[in-house]
Amino acid sequence: MGRRGVVRDTLLFFYQPGDGVLHRVDVRSKALGFVWACAATMASGRWGLGVLGLLGVGLCVGGGVRGVWGSLRGVAVLGVLVLVGRALSTEGTVVWEGLGMRVTAEGLVRGAVGAGKLGLLVVWAHLFLASTPLSSFEAALAWLLSPIPVLRRLRGLIAGTLSLMLSFLPLIAHQAALIQDALAARLLSPSRHPIRYLTLLSTTLIQNLILLAQETADALTARTYSFTPPPLPTGPSLLPPLPFLAVLAPLTALLALLPS
């Protein structure tokens, strides 16, 4: 299958073409930064999350990427569930009690930290995917896997498979919308018949996706699709890997010194 850059890059529906700061950063540095940001987010306490949150806000404002708030709204319910679950399940100083439930101050803090981590992970993923075309995403992922001996030979297959999975997301959303329209035409409402509605939606969606996946696999086989990783983008870029690592070093030290 031919790799025609412009057309192929539009398959990744997260990608926003542009000339912002994040678009011009070296894709290897962006990949390293994404991995570092996710690891730092998971390892940080509330003070570290505050520093990372300021960094995330700065990148959202000046990075040239739109739609971060929309991505955060998509996981808002999950964040609330994390907060409530921690608040109800953690022992400590009781701040509210009633209806057979007990909310603790320590639980609220842990829940807020957990919800904050979830939100930051969504922000990092959105910033990376929205500023990285699909071919560069594959090249960066293959580059990251190259130093790992076990995965070096499989880096093209792994990168290509993940990019195909990301390319499939818009199709999944489209199929779900078509099925919802069909259910609405049959006067099936999620509020009046929630179990039947969700059962029909999920089973029909899975059946359609299996059929589409088989058709895609047949098309790739017929066209002798190659999972050879694409080359890294050429031309000038901001922050090559070595200077970028020099920037990350003091920031990592700062996060390590902050109390949890």
C-alpha atoms as a PDB file:
ATOM      1  CA  MET A   1       0.000   0.000   0.000  1.00  0.00           C
ATOM      2  CA  GLY A   2       1.478   3.319  -0.990  1.00  0.00           C
ATOM      3  CA  ARG A   3       2.228   5.800   1.729  1.00  0.00           C
ATOM      4  CA  ARG A   4       1.049   9.139   0.351  1.00  0.00           C
ATOM      5  CA  GLY A   5       1.929  11.413   3.229  1.00  0.00           C
ATOM      6  CA  VAL A   6      -0.747  14.087   3.143  1.00  0.00           C
ATOM      7  CA  VAL A   7      -3.662  11.735   2.495  1.00  0.00           C
ATOM      8  CA  ARG A   8      -2.470   9.118   4.935  1.00  0.00           C
ATOM      9  CA  ASP A   9      -1.851  11.613   7.727  1.00  0.00           C
ATOM     10  CA  THR A  10      -5.474  12.765   7.592  1.00  0.00           C
ATOM     11  CA  LEU A  11      -6.533   9.264   8.660  1.00  0.00           C
ATOM     12  CA  LEU A  12      -5.529  10.127  12.221  1.00  0.00           C
ATOM     13  CA  PHE A  13      -8.550  12.224  13.132  1.00  0.00           C
ATOM     14  CA  PHE A  14      -6.804  13.669  16.212  1.00  0.00           C
ATOM     15  CA  TYR A  15      -4.239  15.391  14.004  1.00  0.00           C
ATOM     16  CA  GLN A  16      -4.627  19.136  13.469  1.00  0.00           C
ATOM     17  CA  PRO A  17      -2.430  20.461  10.643  1.00  0.00           C
ATOM     18  CA  GLY A  18      -0.716  23.684  11.556  1.00  0.00           C
ATOM     19  CA  ASP A  19       2.510  25.506  12.239  1.00  0.00           C
ATOM     20  CA  GLY A  20       2.331  25.813  16.017  1.00  0.00           C
ATOM     21  CA  VAL A  21       5.215  25.282  18.405  1.00  0.00           C
ATOM     22  CA  LEU A  22       4.322  21.646  19.052  1.00  0.00           C
ATOM     23  CA  HIS A  23       4.014  20.952  15.325  1.00  0.00           C
ATOM     24  CA  ARG A  24       7.599  22.131  14.818  1.00  0.00           C
ATOM     25  CA  VAL A  25       9.181  20.225  17.705  1.00  0.00           C
ATOM     26  CA  ASP A  26      11.284  17.237  16.633  1.00  0.00           C
ATOM     27  CA  VAL A  27       8.994  14.201  16.591  1.00  0.00           C
ATOM     28  CA  ARG A  28      11.562  12.150  18.537  1.00  0.00           C
ATOM     29  CA  SER A  29      11.556  14.764  21.288  1.00  0.00           C
ATOM     30  CA  LYS A  30       7.759  14.792  21.300  1.00  0.00           C
ATOM     31  CA  ALA A  31       7.690  11.023  21.694  1.00  0.00           C
ATOM     32  CA  LEU A  32      10.243  11.170  24.521  1.00  0.00           C
ATOM     33  CA  GLY A  33       8.336  14.022  26.126  1.00  0.00           C
ATOM     34  CA  PHE A  34       5.054  12.135  25.926  1.00  0.00           C
ATOM     35  CA  VAL A  35       6.530   9.046  27.588  1.00  0.00           C
ATOM     36  CA  TRP A  36       8.265  11.188  30.224  1.00  0.00           C
ATOM     37  CA  ALA A  37       5.134  13.233  30.936  1.00  0.00           C
ATOM     38  CA  CYS A  38       2.989  10.114  31.395  1.00  0.00           C
ATOM     39  CA  ALA A  39       5.569   8.486  33.689  1.00  0.00           C
ATOM     40  CA  ALA A  40       6.056  11.698  35.687  1.00  0.00           C
ATOM     41  CA  THR A  41       2.300  12.129  36.041  1.00  0.00           C
ATOM     42  CA  MET A  42       1.824   8.630  37.428  1.00  0.00           C
ATOM     43  CA  ALA A  43       4.782   8.993  39.836  1.00  0.00           C
ATOM     44  CA  SER A  44       3.987  12.500  41.131  1.00  0.00           C
ATOM     45  CA  GLY A  45       2.081  13.571  44.208  1.00  0.00           C
ATOM     46  CA  ARG A  46      -0.122  16.626  44.514  1.00  0.00           C
ATOM     47  CA  TRP A  47       2.758  19.128  44.394  1.00  0.00           C
ATOM     48  CA  GLY A  48       4.291  17.472  41.363  1.00  0.00           C
ATOM     49  CA  LEU A  49       0.895  17.387  39.682  1.00  0.00           C
ATOM     50  CA  GLY A  50       0.624  21.120  40.293  1.00  0.00           C
ATOM     51  CA  VAL A  51       3.893  21.736  38.442  1.00  0.00           C
ATOM     52  CA  LEU A  52       2.891  19.398  35.617  1.00  0.00           C
ATOM     53  CA  GLY A  53      -0.515  21.059  35.464  1.00  0.00           C
ATOM     54  CA  LEU A  54       1.104  24.461  34.932  1.00  0.00           C
ATOM     55  CA  LEU A  55       3.262  22.926  32.207  1.00  0.00           C
ATOM     56  CA  GLY A  56       0.180  21.416  30.580  1.00  0.00           C
ATOM     57  CA  VAL A  57      -1.704  24.720  30.667  1.00  0.00           C
ATOM     58  CA  GLY A  58       1.267  26.483  29.084  1.00  0.00           C
ATOM     59  CA  LEU A  59       1.448  23.929  26.280  1.00  0.00           C
ATOM     60  CA  CYS A  60      -2.307  24.109  25.709  1.00  0.00           C
ATOM     61  CA  VAL A  61      -2.197  27.900  25.449  1.00  0.00           C
ATOM     62  CA  GLY A  62       0.981  28.292  23.401  1.00  0.00           C
ATOM     63  CA  GLY A  63       1.358  24.969  21.633  1.00  0.00           C
ATOM     64  CA  GLY A  64      -0.931  25.684  18.692  1.00  0.00           C
ATOM     65  CA  VAL A  65      -3.325  22.797  19.443  1.00  0.00           C
ATOM     66  CA  ARG A  66      -7.096  23.109  19.890  1.00  0.00           C
ATOM     67  CA  GLY A  67      -9.803  20.980  21.458  1.00  0.00           C
ATOM     68  CA  VAL A  68      -8.093  19.938  24.699  1.00  0.00           C
ATOM     69  CA  TRP A  69     -11.127  20.919  26.745  1.00  0.00           C
ATOM     70  CA  GLY A  70     -13.328  18.693  24.604  1.00  0.00           C
ATOM     71  CA  SER A  71     -11.074  15.714  25.315  1.00  0.00           C
ATOM     72  CA  LEU A  72     -11.184  16.464  29.046  1.00  0.00           C
ATOM     73  CA  ARG A  73     -14.974  16.620  28.997  1.00  0.00           C
ATOM     74  CA  GLY A  74     -14.955  13.132  27.509  1.00  0.00           C
ATOM     75  CA  VAL A  75     -13.381  11.673  30.665  1.00  0.00           C
ATOM     76  CA  ALA A  76     -15.017  14.032  33.180  1.00  0.00           C
ATOM     77  CA  VAL A  77     -17.480  11.385  34.364  1.00  0.00           C
ATOM     78  CA  LEU A  78     -14.664   8.882  34.894  1.00  0.00           C
ATOM     79  CA  GLY A  79     -12.733  11.509  36.864  1.00  0.00           C
ATOM     80  CA  VAL A  80     -15.747  12.137  39.105  1.00  0.00           C
ATOM     81  CA  LEU A  81     -16.095   8.386  39.697  1.00  0.00           C
ATOM     82  CA  VAL A  82     -12.429   8.196  40.712  1.00  0.00           C
ATOM     83  CA  LEU A  83     -12.913  11.106  43.127  1.00  0.00           C
ATOM     84  CA  VAL A  84     -16.069   9.669  44.675  1.00  0.00           C
ATOM     85  CA  GLY A  85     -14.648   6.157  44.904  1.00  0.00           C
ATOM     86  CA  ARG A  86     -11.519   7.333  46.714  1.00  0.00           C
ATOM     87  CA  ALA A  87     -13.504   9.632  49.004  1.00  0.00           C
ATOM     88  CA  LEU A  88     -15.791   6.798  50.105  1.00  0.00           C
ATOM     89  CA  SER A  89     -13.222   4.012  50.392  1.00  0.00           C
ATOM     90  CA  THR A  90     -10.275   5.702  52.147  1.00  0.00           C
ATOM     91  CA  GLU A  91     -10.019   5.676  55.939  1.00  0.00           C
ATOM     92  CA  GLY A  92      -9.304   8.943  57.709  1.00  0.00           C
ATOM     93  CA  THR A  93     -10.902  12.070  59.121  1.00  0.00           C
ATOM     94  CA  VAL A  94     -14.626  12.040  58.398  1.00  0.00           C
ATOM     95  CA  VAL A  95     -15.917  15.250  56.792  1.00  0.00           C
ATOM     96  CA  TRP A  96     -19.416  14.013  55.931  1.00  0.00           C
ATOM     97  CA  GLU A  97     -21.503  11.021  56.933  1.00  0.00           C
ATOM     98  CA  GLY A  98     -24.967  10.018  55.881  1.00  0.00           C
ATOM     99  CA  LEU A  99     -27.071   7.559  53.886  1.00  0.00           C
ATOM    100  CA  GLY A 100     -24.757   4.795  55.038  1.00  0.00           C
ATOM    101  CA  MET A 101     -21.736   6.475  53.450  1.00  0.00           C
ATOM    102  CA  ARG A 102     -18.688   8.177  54.921  1.00  0.00           C
ATOM    103  CA  VAL A 103     -16.495  10.727  53.144  1.00  0.00           C
ATOM    104  CA  THR A 104     -12.990  11.345  54.491  1.00  0.00           C
ATOM    105  CA  ALA A 105     -10.606  14.240  53.955  1.00  0.00           C
ATOM    106  CA  GLU A 106      -7.800  11.881  52.990  1.00  0.00           C
ATOM    107  CA  GLY A 107     -10.090  10.215  50.468  1.00  0.00           C
ATOM    108  CA  LEU A 108     -10.974  13.540  48.889  1.00  0.00           C
ATOM    109  CA  VAL A 109      -7.287  14.391  48.530  1.00  0.00           C
ATOM    110  CA  ARG A 110      -6.453  11.004  47.012  1.00  0.00           C
ATOM    111  CA  GLY A 111      -9.469  11.200  44.746  1.00  0.00           C
ATOM    112  CA  ALA A 112      -8.501  14.655  43.546  1.00  0.00           C
ATOM    113  CA  VAL A 113      -4.969  13.419  42.853  1.00  0.00           C
ATOM    114  CA  GLY A 114      -6.297  10.415  40.930  1.00  0.00           C
ATOM    115  CA  ALA A 115      -8.695  12.537  38.880  1.00  0.00           C
ATOM    116  CA  GLY A 116      -5.899  15.039  38.223  1.00  0.00           C
ATOM    117  CA  LYS A 117      -3.619  12.288  36.950  1.00  0.00           C
ATOM    118  CA  LEU A 118      -6.334  11.035  34.619  1.00  0.00           C
ATOM    119  CA  GLY A 119      -6.911  14.536  33.275  1.00  0.00           C
ATOM    120  CA  LEU A 120      -3.208  15.169  32.707  1.00  0.00           C
ATOM    121  CA  LEU A 121      -2.782  11.870  30.856  1.00  0.00           C
ATOM    122  CA  VAL A 122      -5.594  12.921  28.528  1.00  0.00           C
ATOM    123  CA  VAL A 123      -3.934  16.317  28.007  1.00  0.00           C
ATOM    124  CA  TRP A 124      -0.548  14.754  27.124  1.00  0.00           C
ATOM    125  CA  ALA A 125      -2.165  12.313  24.689  1.00  0.00           C
ATOM    126  CA  HIS A 126      -4.192  15.066  23.017  1.00  0.00           C
ATOM    127  CA  LEU A 127      -1.202  17.395  22.642  1.00  0.00           C
ATOM    128  CA  PHE A 128       0.956  14.628  21.171  1.00  0.00           C
ATOM    129  CA  LEU A 129      -1.586  13.169  18.758  1.00  0.00           C
ATOM    130  CA  ALA A 130      -3.017  16.518  17.648  1.00  0.00           C
ATOM    131  CA  SER A 131       0.419  17.842  16.665  1.00  0.00           C
ATOM    132  CA  THR A 132       1.859  14.659  15.117  1.00  0.00           C
ATOM    133  CA  PRO A 133       0.878  13.331  11.657  1.00  0.00           C
ATOM    134  CA  LEU A 134       0.366   9.599  11.357  1.00  0.00           C
ATOM    135  CA  SER A 135       3.569   8.895   9.419  1.00  0.00           C
ATOM    136  CA  SER A 136       5.619  10.791  12.018  1.00  0.00           C
ATOM    137  CA  PHE A 137       3.797   8.927  14.793  1.00  0.00           C
ATOM    138  CA  GLU A 138       4.830   5.597  13.290  1.00  0.00           C
ATOM    139  CA  ALA A 139       8.415   6.759  12.756  1.00  0.00           C
ATOM    140  CA  ALA A 140       8.703   8.090  16.312  1.00  0.00           C
ATOM    141  CA  LEU A 141       7.279   4.910  17.832  1.00  0.00           C
ATOM    142  CA  ALA A 142       9.649   2.740  15.792  1.00  0.00           C
ATOM    143  CA  TRP A 143      12.548   4.975  16.890  1.00  0.00           C
ATOM    144  CA  LEU A 144      11.571   4.598  20.555  1.00  0.00           C
ATOM    145  CA  LEU A 145      11.445   0.803  20.231  1.00  0.00           C
ATOM    146  CA  SER A 146      14.788   0.540  18.409  1.00  0.00           C
ATOM    147  CA  PRO A 147      17.005   0.432  21.559  1.00  0.00           C
ATOM    148  CA  ILE A 148      15.006  -2.508  22.986  1.00  0.00           C
ATOM    149  CA  PRO A 149      16.598  -5.723  21.626  1.00  0.00           C
ATOM    150  CA  VAL A 150      13.457  -7.847  21.996  1.00  0.00           C
ATOM    151  CA  LEU A 151      11.292  -5.349  20.101  1.00  0.00           C
ATOM    152  CA  ARG A 152      13.790  -4.043  17.552  1.00  0.00           C
ATOM    153  CA  ARG A 153      12.789  -6.526  14.847  1.00  0.00           C
ATOM    154  CA  LEU A 154       9.071  -6.018  15.548  1.00  0.00           C
ATOM    155  CA  ARG A 155       9.110  -2.222  15.758  1.00  0.00           C
ATOM    156  CA  GLY A 156       7.626  -1.767  12.279  1.00  0.00           C
ATOM    157  CA  LEU A 157       4.798  -4.214  12.982  1.00  0.00           C
ATOM    158  CA  ILE A 158       4.020  -2.631  16.370  1.00  0.00           C
ATOM    159  CA  ALA A 159       4.095   0.928  15.023  1.00  0.00           C
ATOM    160  CA  GLY A 160       2.002   0.034  11.979  1.00  0.00           C
ATOM    161  CA  THR A 161      -0.567  -1.883  14.017  1.00  0.00           C
ATOM    162  CA  LEU A 162      -1.024   0.947  16.512  1.00  0.00           C
ATOM    163  CA  SER A 163      -1.379   3.503  13.723  1.00  0.00           C
ATOM    164  CA  LEU A 164      -4.044   1.341  12.065  1.00  0.00           C
ATOM    165  CA  MET A 165      -5.891   1.092  15.382  1.00  0.00           C
ATOM    166  CA  LEU A 166      -5.835   4.877  15.732  1.00  0.00           C
ATOM    167  CA  SER A 167      -7.007   5.238  12.142  1.00  0.00           C
ATOM    168  CA  PHE A 168      -9.969   2.977  12.935  1.00  0.00           C
ATOM    169  CA  LEU A 169     -11.300   5.221  15.729  1.00  0.00           C
ATOM    170  CA  PRO A 170     -13.229   7.620  13.447  1.00  0.00           C
ATOM    171  CA  LEU A 171     -14.834   4.633  11.737  1.00  0.00           C
ATOM    172  CA  ILE A 172     -15.907   3.228  15.107  1.00  0.00           C
ATOM    173  CA  ALA A 173     -17.489   6.566  16.044  1.00  0.00           C
ATOM    174  CA  HIS A 174     -19.238   6.726  12.654  1.00  0.00           C
ATOM    175  CA  GLN A 175     -20.628   3.207  12.993  1.00  0.00           C
ATOM    176  CA  ALA A 176     -21.866   3.958  16.512  1.00  0.00           C
ATOM    177  CA  ALA A 177     -23.632   7.094  15.247  1.00  0.00           C
ATOM    178  CA  LEU A 178     -25.311   5.139  12.424  1.00  0.00           C
ATOM    179  CA  ILE A 179     -26.533   2.481  14.849  1.00  0.00           C
ATOM    180  CA  GLN A 180     -27.845   5.128  17.257  1.00  0.00           C
ATOM    181  CA  ASP A 181     -29.787   6.745  14.409  1.00  0.00           C
ATOM    182  CA  ALA A 182     -31.258   3.368  13.479  1.00  0.00           C
ATOM    183  CA  LEU A 183     -32.305   2.700  17.082  1.00  0.00           C
ATOM    184  CA  ALA A 184     -33.863   6.158  17.317  1.00  0.00           C
ATOM    185  CA  ALA A 185     -35.843   5.433  14.134  1.00  0.00           C
ATOM    186  CA  ARG A 186     -37.212   2.343  15.893  1.00  0.00           C
ATOM    187  CA  LEU A 187     -38.240   4.585  18.833  1.00  0.00           C
ATOM    188  CA  LEU A 188     -35.778   2.927  21.172  1.00  0.00           C
ATOM    189  CA  SER A 189     -34.652   5.455  23.778  1.00  0.00           C
ATOM    190  CA  PRO A 190     -31.653   4.950  26.103  1.00  0.00           C
ATOM    191  CA  SER A 191     -33.616   6.581  28.927  1.00  0.00           C
ATOM    192  CA  ARG A 192     -36.735   4.388  28.570  1.00  0.00           C
ATOM    193  CA  HIS A 193     -35.089   1.077  27.618  1.00  0.00           C
ATOM    194  CA  PRO A 194     -31.444   1.393  28.775  1.00  0.00           C
ATOM    195  CA  ILE A 195     -30.567  -2.311  28.945  1.00  0.00           C
ATOM    196  CA  ARG A 196     -32.119  -3.231  25.596  1.00  0.00           C
ATOM    197  CA  TYR A 197     -30.669  -0.090  23.983  1.00  0.00           C
ATOM    198  CA  LEU A 198     -27.119  -0.759  25.194  1.00  0.00           C
ATOM    199  CA  THR A 199     -27.368  -4.452  24.286  1.00  0.00           C
ATOM    200  CA  LEU A 200     -28.454  -3.731  20.711  1.00  0.00           C
ATOM    201  CA  LEU A 201     -25.932  -0.910  20.330  1.00  0.00           C
ATOM    202  CA  SER A 202     -22.966  -2.928  21.593  1.00  0.00           C
ATOM    203  CA  THR A 203     -23.749  -6.200  19.795  1.00  0.00           C
ATOM    204  CA  THR A 204     -24.472  -4.501  16.462  1.00  0.00           C
ATOM    205  CA  LEU A 205     -21.358  -2.331  16.769  1.00  0.00           C
ATOM    206  CA  ILE A 206     -19.157  -5.353  17.501  1.00  0.00           C
ATOM    207  CA  GLN A 207     -20.612  -7.281  14.551  1.00  0.00           C
ATOM    208  CA  ASN A 208     -20.039  -4.357  12.182  1.00  0.00           C
ATOM    209  CA  LEU A 209     -16.487  -3.815  13.426  1.00  0.00           C
ATOM    210  CA  ILE A 210     -15.591  -7.492  13.008  1.00  0.00           C
ATOM    211  CA  LEU A 211     -16.864  -7.357   9.427  1.00  0.00           C
ATOM    212  CA  LEU A 212     -14.962  -4.128   8.709  1.00  0.00           C
ATOM    213  CA  ALA A 213     -11.796  -5.513  10.296  1.00  0.00           C
ATOM    214  CA  GLN A 214     -11.983  -8.612   8.098  1.00  0.00           C
ATOM    215  CA  GLU A 215     -12.501  -6.469   4.988  1.00  0.00           C
ATOM    216  CA  THR A 216      -9.531  -4.300   5.975  1.00  0.00           C
ATOM    217  CA  ALA A 217      -7.331  -7.347   6.567  1.00  0.00           C
ATOM    218  CA  ASP A 218      -8.292  -8.776   3.162  1.00  0.00           C
ATOM    219  CA  ALA A 219      -7.532  -5.447   1.472  1.00  0.00           C
ATOM    220  CA  LEU A 220      -4.142  -5.163   3.195  1.00  0.00           C
ATOM    221  CA  THR A 221      -3.276  -8.724   2.216  1.00  0.00           C
ATOM    222  CA  ALA A 222      -4.307  -8.147  -1.403  1.00  0.00           C
ATOM    223  CA  ARG A 223      -2.175  -5.014  -1.613  1.00  0.00           C
ATOM    224  CA  THR A 224       0.805  -6.652   0.154  1.00  0.00           C
ATOM    225  CA  TYR A 225       0.847  -3.971   2.839  1.00  0.00           C
ATOM    226  CA  SER A 226       4.295  -3.543   4.334  1.00  0.00           C
ATOM    227  CA  PHE A 227       4.852  -2.735   7.991  1.00  0.00           C
ATOM    228  CA  THR A 228       8.255  -1.225   7.281  1.00  0.00           C
ATOM    229  CA  PRO A 229       8.473   1.858   9.525  1.00  0.00           C
ATOM    230  CA  PRO A 230       8.505   5.152   7.609  1.00  0.00           C
ATOM    231  CA  PRO A 231      11.609   7.359   7.800  1.00  0.00           C
ATOM    232  CA  LEU A 232      11.822  10.149  10.320  1.00  0.00           C
ATOM    233  CA  PRO A 233      10.795  13.578   8.996  1.00  0.00           C
ATOM    234  CA  THR A 234      13.606  15.559   7.430  1.00  0.00           C
ATOM    235  CA  GLY A 235      14.260  19.265   7.642  1.00  0.00           C
ATOM    236  CA  PRO A 236      14.839  21.700  10.504  1.00  0.00           C
ATOM    237  CA  SER A 237      12.902  21.188  13.726  1.00  0.00           C
ATOM    238  CA  LEU A 238      12.794  22.571  17.237  1.00  0.00           C
ATOM    239  CA  LEU A 239      14.462  20.796  20.156  1.00  0.00           C
ATOM    240  CA  PRO A 240      16.300  17.711  18.848  1.00  0.00           C
ATOM    241  CA  PRO A 241      16.508  14.829  21.357  1.00  0.00           C
ATOM    242  CA  LEU A 242      19.792  15.735  23.087  1.00  0.00           C
ATOM    243  CA  PRO A 243      18.894  19.382  23.876  1.00  0.00           C
ATOM    244  CA  PHE A 244      15.429  18.195  24.867  1.00  0.00           C
ATOM    245  CA  LEU A 245      16.892  15.716  27.360  1.00  0.00           C
ATOM    246  CA  ALA A 246      18.981  18.552  28.775  1.00  0.00           C
ATOM    247  CA  VAL A 247      15.744  20.473  29.379  1.00  0.00           C
ATOM    248  CA  LEU A 248      14.045  17.465  30.979  1.00  0.00           C
ATOM    249  CA  ALA A 249      16.885  16.747  33.418  1.00  0.00           C
ATOM    250  CA  PRO A 250      16.373  19.740  35.772  1.00  0.00           C
ATOM    251  CA  LEU A 251      12.597  19.391  35.546  1.00  0.00           C
ATOM    252  CA  THR A 252      12.881  15.738  36.556  1.00  0.00           C
ATOM    253  CA  ALA A 253      15.128  16.700  39.477  1.00  0.00           C
ATOM    254  CA  LEU A 254      12.598  19.329  40.593  1.00  0.00           C
ATOM    255  CA  LEU A 255       9.731  16.832  40.552  1.00  0.00           C
ATOM    256  CA  ALA A 256      11.833  14.315  42.492  1.00  0.00           C
ATOM    257  CA  LEU A 257      12.531  16.882  45.238  1.00  0.00           C
ATOM    258  CA  LEU A 258       8.913  17.941  45.692  1.00  0.00           C
ATOM    259  CA  PRO A 259       7.010  16.338  48.599  1.00  0.00           C
ATOM    260  CA  SER A 260       4.269  13.887  47.759  1.00  0.00           C
END
